Every structure is written in structure tokens, then in C-alpha cells.
């Protein structure tokens, strides 16, 4: 299979189901940002972190591929007129979201109480995690904009929202594990 098809040379791409749209379409921006997030998660996973966290991140990457498939599907071609699913697209489940919540709760039990905003940084691995969190927030913003135009399974929005929270807590956990300083943000006072 050749990686290049030449079908996108004029600035369009095909959605799952065959519909062609401009490459700058909000749907493409949405799943493209999820793809970017997935690459950043891979970078976090490649750091010197504990095996259980790497396994959770593997699962998150799988779920992000599912989200990408959902967002890349033409909603009109996804279901038959009878309402039955035409394309075999996986789903995001409540359990996927619950897993992130349980993992956050577990990590938070081991962390000091947060009393201030925290500046990203302190260690390269922590910074990579914060970058992933920011990209996740952008993926969520893009997806909510798409959702207003063409609704899709709202579990996707819930998952992206919870994932950005998870990545924040994971950054704090990595700071603790790596003995990195969490720099508190305190606003400068005006003279």
C-alpha cells in the first residue's frame, strides 16, 4: 500500500464514509488536533515513568484513536435511515471516563493539597505532560465547535474534558515522582 494517494493535492480530504471536505474544515481540525494530542501522549509515555502509568497512557492512546474515528466520520453516512449504525465505529464509554476519574483520585491521594495555580515546568517530563494537557484543551475546544454544527456522541466531549484534568494531575504526580519543584504562581502586586 502506498502512503500517498494524490487525492488531497487540491486541498480536500475524505471523511470516513467517503465524503470529501476541505482540509481546513472544522471536522478535520478536530480530529487532527486529537491526532496531535495522541503524539504528545506518546512523548509523555516515552519518558522515564512508572509502568502502570505507561499502561494507562497506552489505553488513552487507543481511546484517542476511537475519538479520531468518531470525529472523522460523516454523520450522514454513519447511520442508515432506520437509525441503525452503518459504519462500525467504536464508542467511548462511561467506563472510559470513570477510569480517568479513578486514576486522578488515586494520584491525588498521594499529592499535597493544591493552594495556588502551578506554573508548567520543573522537569522535561512534566513539561511534556503540560503540553499534552494544553493540546487536549484545544482538541476539546475544536470538538465543541464542531459539536455545535454537527452533533456526535457527547461522550467524546466528556472524555476530552476529563483527559485534560487527568493530564494536569499526572503532571503533578510526575513532579512528585521526579522530585521536581512545583512553582506556585502568585500574581505580582501593582505598586
N, C-alpha and C. Protein backbone atom coordinates (compact mmCIF):
# COMPACT_ATOMS: atom_id res chain seq x y z
N UNK A 1 0.85 -1.18 0.00
CA UNK A 1 0.00 0.00 0.00
C UNK A 1 0.89 1.24 0.00
N UNK A 2 0.67 2.13 -0.94
CA UNK A 2 1.41 3.38 -0.96
C UNK A 2 0.81 4.34 0.05
N UNK A 3 1.69 5.10 0.69
CA UNK A 3 1.24 6.05 1.70
C UNK A 3 0.64 7.30 1.05
N UNK A 4 1.05 7.60 -0.16
CA UNK A 4 0.50 8.77 -0.84
C UNK A 4 -0.54 8.34 -1.86
N UNK A 5 -1.63 9.11 -1.91
CA UNK A 5 -2.73 8.79 -2.83
C UNK A 5 -2.91 9.86 -3.89
N UNK A 6 -2.41 11.04 -3.66
CA UNK A 6 -2.54 12.21 -4.53
C UNK A 6 -3.96 12.77 -4.57
N UNK A 7 -4.89 12.16 -3.81
CA UNK A 7 -6.28 12.64 -3.84
C UNK A 7 -6.45 13.94 -3.06
N UNK A 8 -5.48 14.28 -2.21
CA UNK A 8 -5.59 15.50 -1.43
C UNK A 8 -4.81 16.66 -2.00
N UNK A 9 -4.29 16.50 -3.20
CA UNK A 9 -3.43 17.53 -3.79
C UNK A 9 -4.14 18.85 -4.05
N UNK A 10 -5.45 18.84 -4.08
CA UNK A 10 -6.19 20.09 -4.33
C UNK A 10 -6.85 20.63 -3.06
N UNK A 11 -6.35 20.16 -1.90
CA UNK A 11 -6.81 20.75 -0.63
C UNK A 11 -8.05 20.13 -0.03
N UNK A 12 -8.42 18.93 -0.47
CA UNK A 12 -9.56 18.24 0.15
C UNK A 12 -9.09 16.90 0.68
N UNK A 13 -9.89 16.34 1.57
CA UNK A 13 -9.61 15.02 2.11
C UNK A 13 -10.94 14.30 2.31
N UNK A 14 -10.87 12.98 2.42
CA UNK A 14 -12.10 12.18 2.58
C UNK A 14 -12.34 11.85 4.05
N UNK A 15 -13.59 11.99 4.43
CA UNK A 15 -14.02 11.54 5.74
C UNK A 15 -14.28 10.04 5.68
N UNK A 16 -14.39 9.40 6.85
CA UNK A 16 -14.78 8.00 6.91
C UNK A 16 -16.21 7.93 6.38
N UNK A 17 -16.41 7.21 5.32
CA UNK A 17 -17.70 7.17 4.65
C UNK A 17 -17.61 7.75 3.24
N UNK A 18 -16.49 8.45 2.92
CA UNK A 18 -16.24 8.88 1.56
C UNK A 18 -16.48 10.34 1.24
N UNK A 19 -17.21 11.07 2.04
CA UNK A 19 -17.46 12.49 1.77
C UNK A 19 -16.15 13.26 1.75
N UNK A 20 -15.96 14.12 0.76
CA UNK A 20 -14.75 14.94 0.68
C UNK A 20 -15.06 16.34 1.23
N UNK A 21 -14.12 16.84 2.02
CA UNK A 21 -14.25 18.17 2.61
C UNK A 21 -12.91 18.89 2.50
N UNK A 22 -12.90 20.23 2.61
CA UNK A 22 -11.63 20.96 2.60
C UNK A 22 -10.77 20.55 3.81
N UNK A 23 -9.48 20.56 3.64
CA UNK A 23 -8.57 20.15 4.72
C UNK A 23 -8.61 21.11 5.91
N UNK A 24 -9.18 22.29 5.72
CA UNK A 24 -9.30 23.24 6.83
C UNK A 24 -10.67 23.15 7.51
N UNK A 25 -11.50 22.20 7.13
CA UNK A 25 -12.83 22.01 7.72
C UNK A 25 -12.71 21.78 9.23
N UNK A 26 -13.64 22.27 10.00
CA UNK A 26 -13.61 22.14 11.46
C UNK A 26 -13.52 20.67 11.88
N UNK A 27 -14.11 19.79 11.11
CA UNK A 27 -14.05 18.35 11.43
C UNK A 27 -12.61 17.85 11.32
N UNK A 28 -11.90 18.30 10.28
CA UNK A 28 -10.51 17.89 10.09
C UNK A 28 -9.64 18.51 11.18
N UNK A 29 -9.89 19.77 11.50
CA UNK A 29 -9.16 20.43 12.59
C UNK A 29 -9.37 19.68 13.91
N UNK A 30 -10.59 19.20 14.13
CA UNK A 30 -10.91 18.49 15.38
C UNK A 30 -10.13 17.18 15.49
N UNK A 31 -10.26 16.32 14.48
CA UNK A 31 -9.56 15.05 14.63
C UNK A 31 -8.06 15.18 14.40
N UNK A 32 -7.65 16.21 13.67
CA UNK A 32 -6.21 16.47 13.54
C UNK A 32 -5.60 16.89 14.86
N UNK A 33 -6.32 17.64 15.65
CA UNK A 33 -5.83 18.06 16.96
C UNK A 33 -5.81 16.88 17.92
N UNK A 34 -6.78 15.98 17.80
CA UNK A 34 -6.77 14.75 18.61
C UNK A 34 -5.56 13.90 18.23
N UNK A 35 -5.23 13.85 16.95
CA UNK A 35 -4.05 13.12 16.49
C UNK A 35 -2.78 13.75 17.07
N UNK A 36 -2.71 15.08 17.05
CA UNK A 36 -1.56 15.78 17.65
C UNK A 36 -1.46 15.46 19.14
N UNK A 37 -2.59 15.45 19.83
CA UNK A 37 -2.62 15.10 21.24
C UNK A 37 -2.07 13.69 21.44
N UNK A 38 -2.48 12.76 20.59
CA UNK A 38 -2.03 11.38 20.71
C UNK A 38 -0.51 11.30 20.59
N UNK A 39 0.08 12.09 19.69
CA UNK A 39 1.53 12.11 19.55
C UNK A 39 2.20 12.65 20.81
N UNK A 40 1.61 13.67 21.41
CA UNK A 40 2.16 14.21 22.66
C UNK A 40 2.03 13.20 23.80
N UNK A 41 0.94 12.47 23.84
CA UNK A 41 0.78 11.42 24.86
C UNK A 41 1.89 10.37 24.68
N UNK A 42 2.20 10.03 23.41
CA UNK A 42 3.29 9.11 23.15
C UNK A 42 4.62 9.63 23.68
N UNK A 43 4.83 10.92 23.56
CA UNK A 43 6.06 11.53 24.07
C UNK A 43 6.11 11.43 25.60
N UNK A 44 4.99 11.67 26.27
CA UNK A 44 4.93 11.53 27.72
C UNK A 44 5.21 10.08 28.10
N UNK A 45 4.59 9.16 27.38
CA UNK A 45 4.74 7.73 27.67
C UNK A 45 6.19 7.27 27.49
N UNK A 46 6.93 7.91 26.58
CA UNK A 46 8.32 7.54 26.32
C UNK A 46 9.29 8.05 27.38
N UNK A 47 8.80 8.80 28.34
CA UNK A 47 9.66 9.31 29.42
C UNK A 47 9.93 8.20 30.43
N UNK A 48 10.84 8.47 31.32
CA UNK A 48 11.19 7.52 32.37
C UNK A 48 10.14 7.61 33.49
N UNK A 49 8.99 6.96 33.24
CA UNK A 49 7.88 6.99 34.20
C UNK A 49 7.49 5.55 34.55
N UNK A 50 6.68 5.40 35.57
CA UNK A 50 6.32 4.07 36.06
C UNK A 50 5.47 3.29 35.05
N UNK A 51 5.59 1.98 35.11
CA UNK A 51 4.90 1.09 34.17
C UNK A 51 3.38 1.20 34.24
N UNK A 52 2.76 1.26 35.43
CA UNK A 52 1.29 1.39 35.45
C UNK A 52 0.80 2.66 34.72
N UNK A 53 1.54 3.76 34.87
CA UNK A 53 1.15 4.99 34.16
C UNK A 53 1.30 4.81 32.66
N UNK A 54 2.37 4.14 32.22
CA UNK A 54 2.56 3.88 30.79
C UNK A 54 1.40 3.05 30.24
N UNK A 55 0.93 2.08 31.04
CA UNK A 55 -0.19 1.25 30.59
C UNK A 55 -1.48 2.07 30.47
N UNK A 56 -1.71 2.97 31.41
CA UNK A 56 -2.88 3.86 31.33
C UNK A 56 -2.76 4.73 30.07
N UNK A 57 -1.57 5.25 29.82
CA UNK A 57 -1.36 6.09 28.64
C UNK A 57 -1.57 5.30 27.34
N UNK A 58 -1.18 4.03 27.33
CA UNK A 58 -1.47 3.18 26.17
C UNK A 58 -2.97 3.11 25.91
N UNK A 59 -3.74 2.90 26.98
CA UNK A 59 -5.19 2.86 26.85
C UNK A 59 -5.77 4.18 26.37
N UNK A 60 -5.21 5.28 26.86
CA UNK A 60 -5.65 6.61 26.44
C UNK A 60 -5.38 6.79 24.95
N UNK A 61 -4.22 6.35 24.48
CA UNK A 61 -3.93 6.48 23.06
C UNK A 61 -4.92 5.69 22.22
N UNK A 62 -5.31 4.51 22.69
CA UNK A 62 -6.32 3.72 21.99
C UNK A 62 -7.65 4.48 21.94
N UNK A 63 -8.04 5.08 23.06
CA UNK A 63 -9.30 5.82 23.11
C UNK A 63 -9.23 7.05 22.19
N UNK A 64 -8.07 7.66 22.09
CA UNK A 64 -7.92 8.82 21.20
C UNK A 64 -8.06 8.41 19.73
N UNK A 65 -7.61 7.20 19.38
CA UNK A 65 -7.85 6.72 18.03
C UNK A 65 -9.34 6.53 17.79
N UNK A 66 -10.04 6.03 18.80
CA UNK A 66 -11.50 5.89 18.69
C UNK A 66 -12.15 7.25 18.49
N UNK A 67 -11.73 8.23 19.28
CA UNK A 67 -12.29 9.59 19.14
C UNK A 67 -11.99 10.13 17.75
N UNK A 68 -10.77 9.91 17.27
CA UNK A 68 -10.43 10.35 15.92
C UNK A 68 -11.35 9.74 14.88
N UNK A 69 -11.67 8.45 15.04
CA UNK A 69 -12.57 7.78 14.09
C UNK A 69 -13.97 8.37 14.16
N UNK A 70 -14.43 8.66 15.37
CA UNK A 70 -15.77 9.25 15.54
C UNK A 70 -15.81 10.62 14.85
N UNK A 71 -14.78 11.43 15.10
CA UNK A 71 -14.76 12.78 14.54
C UNK A 71 -14.54 12.78 13.03
N UNK A 72 -13.89 11.73 12.51
CA UNK A 72 -13.59 11.65 11.08
C UNK A 72 -14.73 11.04 10.27
N UNK A 73 -15.83 10.75 10.92
CA UNK A 73 -16.95 10.09 10.24
C UNK A 73 -18.02 11.10 9.85
N UNK A 74 -18.41 11.03 8.59
CA UNK A 74 -19.53 11.84 8.10
C UNK A 74 -20.78 11.35 8.82
N UNK A 75 -21.43 12.20 9.64
CA UNK A 75 -22.59 11.74 10.42
C UNK A 75 -23.73 11.23 9.54
N UNK A 76 -23.86 11.78 8.33
CA UNK A 76 -24.94 11.33 7.45
C UNK A 76 -24.68 9.93 6.91
N UNK A 77 -23.42 9.53 6.85
CA UNK A 77 -23.09 8.21 6.32
C UNK A 77 -22.87 7.19 7.43
N UNK A 78 -22.90 7.63 8.68
CA UNK A 78 -22.63 6.74 9.80
C UNK A 78 -23.83 5.87 10.15
N UNK A 79 -25.04 6.35 9.85
CA UNK A 79 -26.23 5.58 10.20
C UNK A 79 -27.14 5.40 8.99
N UNK A 80 -27.89 4.34 9.03
CA UNK A 80 -28.89 4.07 7.99
C UNK A 80 -30.14 4.88 8.29
N UNK A 81 -31.05 4.97 7.34
CA UNK A 81 -32.29 5.71 7.56
C UNK A 81 -33.09 5.13 8.72
N UNK A 82 -32.91 3.83 8.97
CA UNK A 82 -33.62 3.17 10.07
C UNK A 82 -33.04 3.56 11.43
N UNK A 83 -31.90 4.28 11.40
CA UNK A 83 -31.28 4.69 12.66
C UNK A 83 -30.19 3.73 13.11
N UNK A 84 -30.04 2.61 12.42
CA UNK A 84 -29.00 1.65 12.79
C UNK A 84 -27.65 2.14 12.29
N UNK A 85 -26.61 1.71 12.98
CA UNK A 85 -25.25 2.12 12.63
C UNK A 85 -24.82 1.45 11.33
N UNK A 86 -24.39 2.26 10.38
CA UNK A 86 -23.93 1.75 9.08
C UNK A 86 -22.45 1.39 9.15
N UNK A 87 -21.66 2.28 9.70
CA UNK A 87 -20.22 2.07 9.80
C UNK A 87 -19.89 1.54 11.19
N UNK A 88 -18.97 0.64 11.26
CA UNK A 88 -18.62 0.02 12.54
C UNK A 88 -17.60 0.88 13.29
N UNK A 89 -18.08 1.95 13.89
CA UNK A 89 -17.23 2.89 14.63
C UNK A 89 -17.30 2.54 16.11
N UNK A 90 -16.15 2.36 16.77
CA UNK A 90 -16.19 2.11 18.21
C UNK A 90 -16.77 3.30 18.96
N UNK A 91 -17.03 3.13 20.22
CA UNK A 91 -17.62 4.19 21.05
C UNK A 91 -16.72 4.48 22.25
N UNK A 92 -16.92 5.63 22.83
CA UNK A 92 -16.33 5.98 24.12
C UNK A 92 -17.40 5.65 25.16
N UNK A 93 -16.99 4.96 26.21
CA UNK A 93 -17.97 4.50 27.21
C UNK A 93 -17.84 5.30 28.51
N UNK A 94 -18.85 5.16 29.34
CA UNK A 94 -18.79 5.78 30.67
C UNK A 94 -17.63 5.20 31.46
N UNK A 95 -17.32 3.92 31.23
CA UNK A 95 -16.20 3.28 31.92
C UNK A 95 -14.87 3.93 31.53
N UNK A 96 -14.72 4.35 30.28
CA UNK A 96 -13.50 5.05 29.86
C UNK A 96 -13.30 6.32 30.67
N UNK A 97 -14.40 7.03 30.90
CA UNK A 97 -14.35 8.27 31.67
C UNK A 97 -14.11 7.97 33.16
N UNK A 98 -14.79 6.94 33.65
CA UNK A 98 -14.61 6.54 35.06
C UNK A 98 -13.18 6.13 35.36
N UNK A 99 -12.53 5.48 34.40
CA UNK A 99 -11.14 5.08 34.60
C UNK A 99 -10.26 6.30 34.84
N UNK A 100 -10.44 7.34 34.02
CA UNK A 100 -9.67 8.56 34.22
C UNK A 100 -9.94 9.17 35.59
N UNK A 101 -11.20 9.17 36.01
CA UNK A 101 -11.56 9.74 37.31
C UNK A 101 -10.92 8.94 38.44
N UNK A 102 -10.96 7.60 38.35
CA UNK A 102 -10.36 6.76 39.39
C UNK A 102 -8.84 6.99 39.46
N UNK A 103 -8.21 7.10 38.30
CA UNK A 103 -6.77 7.33 38.27
C UNK A 103 -6.42 8.69 38.87
N UNK A 104 -7.23 9.70 38.59
CA UNK A 104 -6.98 11.02 39.19
C UNK A 104 -7.13 10.95 40.70
N UNK A 105 -8.18 10.28 41.17
CA UNK A 105 -8.39 10.15 42.61
C UNK A 105 -7.22 9.46 43.28
N UNK A 106 -6.72 8.39 42.64
CA UNK A 106 -5.57 7.65 43.19
C UNK A 106 -4.33 8.54 43.28
N UNK A 107 -4.07 9.28 42.21
CA UNK A 107 -2.89 10.15 42.21
C UNK A 107 -3.04 11.27 43.23
N UNK A 108 -4.25 11.86 43.31
CA UNK A 108 -4.47 12.98 44.23
C UNK A 108 -4.28 12.59 45.69
N UNK A 109 -4.56 11.33 46.01
CA UNK A 109 -4.35 10.86 47.39
C UNK A 109 -2.90 10.97 47.81
N UNK A 110 -1.98 10.92 46.86
CA UNK A 110 -0.54 10.94 47.14
C UNK A 110 0.09 12.33 47.00
N UNK A 111 -0.73 13.30 46.59
CA UNK A 111 -0.18 14.63 46.30
C UNK A 111 -0.54 15.63 47.39
N UNK A 112 0.31 16.63 47.59
CA UNK A 112 -0.05 17.68 48.54
C UNK A 112 -1.23 18.49 48.01
N UNK A 113 -1.97 19.06 48.93
CA UNK A 113 -3.12 19.88 48.54
C UNK A 113 -2.63 21.06 47.70
N UNK A 114 -3.42 21.38 46.69
CA UNK A 114 -3.06 22.49 45.81
C UNK A 114 -3.65 23.77 46.37
N UNK A 115 -2.82 24.76 46.62
CA UNK A 115 -3.28 26.02 47.19
C UNK A 115 -3.12 27.19 46.23
N UNK A 116 -2.39 26.98 45.12
CA UNK A 116 -2.13 28.03 44.13
C UNK A 116 -2.18 27.42 42.74
N UNK A 117 -2.27 28.27 41.74
CA UNK A 117 -2.04 27.81 40.38
C UNK A 117 -0.57 27.40 40.29
N UNK A 118 -0.27 26.48 39.39
CA UNK A 118 1.09 25.98 39.24
C UNK A 118 1.61 26.34 37.86
N UNK A 119 2.81 26.87 37.80
CA UNK A 119 3.43 27.17 36.51
C UNK A 119 3.93 25.87 35.89
N UNK A 120 3.66 25.64 34.62
CA UNK A 120 4.17 24.43 33.97
C UNK A 120 5.70 24.41 33.99
N UNK A 121 6.26 23.23 34.20
CA UNK A 121 7.71 23.09 34.15
C UNK A 121 8.25 22.37 35.36
N UNK A 122 9.55 22.49 35.55
CA UNK A 122 10.22 21.85 36.67
C UNK A 122 11.02 20.63 36.24
N UNK A 123 10.60 19.98 35.17
CA UNK A 123 11.30 18.81 34.63
C UNK A 123 10.77 18.60 33.21
N UNK A 124 11.62 18.11 32.34
CA UNK A 124 11.20 17.93 30.95
C UNK A 124 9.96 17.04 30.83
N UNK A 125 9.91 15.97 31.59
CA UNK A 125 8.75 15.06 31.52
C UNK A 125 7.47 15.76 31.97
N UNK A 126 7.57 16.59 32.98
CA UNK A 126 6.42 17.36 33.48
C UNK A 126 5.97 18.35 32.40
N UNK A 127 6.92 19.00 31.77
CA UNK A 127 6.59 19.97 30.71
C UNK A 127 5.90 19.29 29.54
N UNK A 128 6.38 18.09 29.14
CA UNK A 128 5.71 17.36 28.06
C UNK A 128 4.27 17.06 28.42
N UNK A 129 4.04 16.72 29.69
CA UNK A 129 2.68 16.42 30.15
C UNK A 129 1.80 17.67 30.08
N UNK A 130 2.35 18.82 30.46
CA UNK A 130 1.58 20.07 30.38
C UNK A 130 1.29 20.45 28.92
N UNK A 131 2.23 20.19 28.03
CA UNK A 131 1.97 20.46 26.61
C UNK A 131 0.81 19.58 26.14
N UNK A 132 0.84 18.31 26.51
CA UNK A 132 -0.26 17.40 26.14
C UNK A 132 -1.59 17.91 26.69
N UNK A 133 -1.57 18.42 27.93
CA UNK A 133 -2.79 18.97 28.53
C UNK A 133 -3.32 20.15 27.72
N UNK A 134 -2.43 21.03 27.31
CA UNK A 134 -2.85 22.19 26.52
C UNK A 134 -3.40 21.78 25.16
N UNK A 135 -2.78 20.82 24.52
CA UNK A 135 -3.28 20.33 23.24
C UNK A 135 -4.63 19.65 23.43
N UNK A 136 -4.79 18.95 24.55
CA UNK A 136 -6.08 18.32 24.86
C UNK A 136 -7.17 19.38 25.00
N UNK A 137 -6.88 20.48 25.66
CA UNK A 137 -7.86 21.57 25.79
C UNK A 137 -8.22 22.14 24.42
N UNK A 138 -7.22 22.26 23.54
CA UNK A 138 -7.51 22.75 22.19
C UNK A 138 -8.37 21.74 21.44
N UNK A 139 -8.07 20.45 21.58
CA UNK A 139 -8.89 19.42 20.93
C UNK A 139 -10.33 19.50 21.44
N UNK A 140 -10.48 19.76 22.73
CA UNK A 140 -11.82 19.91 23.30
C UNK A 140 -12.52 21.13 22.72
N UNK A 141 -11.81 22.25 22.61
CA UNK A 141 -12.42 23.47 22.05
C UNK A 141 -12.85 23.24 20.60
N UNK A 142 -11.97 22.61 19.82
CA UNK A 142 -12.29 22.35 18.41
C UNK A 142 -13.50 21.42 18.32
N UNK A 143 -13.52 20.40 19.16
CA UNK A 143 -14.61 19.42 19.12
C UNK A 143 -15.94 20.03 19.55
N UNK A 144 -15.91 20.91 20.54
CA UNK A 144 -17.17 21.55 20.94
C UNK A 144 -17.68 22.47 19.84
N UNK A 145 -16.76 23.11 19.11
CA UNK A 145 -17.19 23.95 17.98
C UNK A 145 -17.84 23.08 16.90
N UNK A 146 -17.25 21.93 16.62
CA UNK A 146 -17.83 21.00 15.65
C UNK A 146 -19.18 20.49 16.13
N UNK A 147 -19.26 20.17 17.43
CA UNK A 147 -20.49 19.64 18.01
C UNK A 147 -21.67 20.60 17.83
N UNK A 148 -21.39 21.90 17.89
CA UNK A 148 -22.45 22.90 17.69
C UNK A 148 -22.98 22.88 16.25
N UNK A 149 -22.13 22.47 15.30
CA UNK A 149 -22.53 22.42 13.90
C UNK A 149 -23.15 21.08 13.55
N UNK A 150 -22.47 20.00 13.94
CA UNK A 150 -22.92 18.63 13.66
C UNK A 150 -22.69 17.79 14.91
N UNK A 151 -23.75 17.49 15.62
CA UNK A 151 -23.63 16.75 16.87
C UNK A 151 -23.10 15.34 16.62
N UNK A 152 -22.38 14.83 17.60
CA UNK A 152 -21.88 13.46 17.61
C UNK A 152 -21.99 12.98 19.05
N UNK A 153 -21.55 11.79 19.33
CA UNK A 153 -21.66 11.22 20.67
C UNK A 153 -21.00 12.15 21.69
N UNK A 154 -21.78 12.68 22.62
CA UNK A 154 -21.23 13.66 23.56
C UNK A 154 -20.28 13.05 24.58
N UNK A 155 -20.15 11.72 24.60
CA UNK A 155 -19.15 11.07 25.46
C UNK A 155 -17.74 11.50 25.03
N UNK A 156 -17.58 11.84 23.76
CA UNK A 156 -16.29 12.31 23.27
C UNK A 156 -15.91 13.60 23.99
N UNK A 157 -16.85 14.52 24.11
CA UNK A 157 -16.57 15.79 24.79
C UNK A 157 -16.26 15.56 26.27
N UNK A 158 -17.02 14.67 26.89
CA UNK A 158 -16.77 14.36 28.30
C UNK A 158 -15.38 13.76 28.48
N UNK A 159 -15.00 12.85 27.58
CA UNK A 159 -13.69 12.20 27.69
C UNK A 159 -12.57 13.21 27.54
N UNK A 160 -12.65 14.07 26.55
CA UNK A 160 -11.60 15.07 26.35
C UNK A 160 -11.50 16.02 27.54
N UNK A 161 -12.64 16.38 28.10
CA UNK A 161 -12.64 17.25 29.28
C UNK A 161 -11.95 16.58 30.45
N UNK A 162 -12.31 15.32 30.69
CA UNK A 162 -11.72 14.59 31.81
C UNK A 162 -10.24 14.30 31.55
N UNK A 163 -9.88 14.05 30.29
CA UNK A 163 -8.49 13.75 29.97
C UNK A 163 -7.58 14.93 30.27
N UNK A 164 -8.03 16.14 29.98
CA UNK A 164 -7.18 17.30 30.28
C UNK A 164 -6.96 17.43 31.78
N UNK A 165 -8.01 17.12 32.57
CA UNK A 165 -7.85 17.12 34.03
C UNK A 165 -6.86 16.04 34.46
N UNK A 166 -6.98 14.85 33.86
CA UNK A 166 -6.07 13.74 34.16
C UNK A 166 -4.63 14.15 33.88
N UNK A 167 -4.41 14.80 32.75
CA UNK A 167 -3.04 15.19 32.38
C UNK A 167 -2.48 16.23 33.34
N UNK A 168 -3.33 17.10 33.88
CA UNK A 168 -2.87 18.06 34.89
C UNK A 168 -2.43 17.32 36.15
N UNK A 169 -3.26 16.39 36.61
CA UNK A 169 -2.92 15.65 37.83
C UNK A 169 -1.68 14.78 37.58
N UNK A 170 -1.59 14.19 36.39
CA UNK A 170 -0.41 13.39 36.06
C UNK A 170 0.85 14.26 36.09
N UNK A 171 0.77 15.48 35.60
CA UNK A 171 1.93 16.38 35.65
C UNK A 171 2.36 16.61 37.09
N UNK A 172 1.39 16.78 37.98
CA UNK A 172 1.71 16.95 39.40
C UNK A 172 2.34 15.69 39.98
N UNK A 173 1.80 14.53 39.59
CA UNK A 173 2.37 13.25 40.06
C UNK A 173 3.81 13.09 39.57
N UNK A 174 4.04 13.42 38.31
CA UNK A 174 5.39 13.31 37.77
C UNK A 174 6.34 14.26 38.48
N UNK A 175 5.86 15.46 38.82
CA UNK A 175 6.68 16.40 39.59
C UNK A 175 7.12 15.76 40.90
N UNK A 176 6.18 15.12 41.56
CA UNK A 176 6.50 14.47 42.84
C UNK A 176 7.45 13.30 42.62
N UNK A 177 7.15 12.43 41.66
CA UNK A 177 7.99 11.25 41.40
C UNK A 177 9.41 11.63 41.01
N UNK A 178 9.55 12.72 40.26
CA UNK A 178 10.85 13.13 39.74
C UNK A 178 11.54 14.15 40.64
N UNK A 179 10.94 14.44 41.79
CA UNK A 179 11.48 15.40 42.76
C UNK A 179 11.70 16.77 42.11
N UNK A 180 10.75 17.14 41.27
CA UNK A 180 10.80 18.45 40.62
C UNK A 180 10.00 19.45 41.45
N UNK A 181 10.45 20.66 41.44
CA UNK A 181 9.75 21.70 42.19
C UNK A 181 8.49 22.14 41.45
N UNK A 182 7.39 22.22 42.18
CA UNK A 182 6.17 22.83 41.63
C UNK A 182 6.24 24.32 41.96
N UNK A 183 6.32 25.11 40.92
CA UNK A 183 6.42 26.56 41.13
C UNK A 183 5.02 27.15 41.19
N UNK A 184 4.68 27.71 42.33
CA UNK A 184 3.36 28.31 42.51
C UNK A 184 3.32 29.67 41.82
N UNK A 185 2.19 29.94 41.19
CA UNK A 185 2.01 31.25 40.56
C UNK A 185 1.32 32.16 41.56
N UNK A 186 1.97 33.26 41.87
CA UNK A 186 1.37 34.29 42.71
C UNK A 186 1.42 35.59 41.90
N UNK A 187 0.26 36.16 41.65
CA UNK A 187 0.22 37.37 40.83
C UNK A 187 1.07 38.49 41.44
N UNK A 188 1.76 39.20 40.57
CA UNK A 188 2.53 40.35 41.03
C UNK A 188 1.58 41.44 41.50
N UNK A 189 1.95 42.07 42.58
CA UNK A 189 1.14 43.18 43.08
C UNK A 189 1.58 44.46 42.42
N UNK A 190 0.59 45.23 42.06
CA UNK A 190 0.88 46.54 41.45
C UNK A 190 1.39 47.48 42.52
N UNK A 191 2.32 48.35 42.13
CA UNK A 191 2.87 49.34 43.08
C UNK A 191 1.90 50.45 43.32
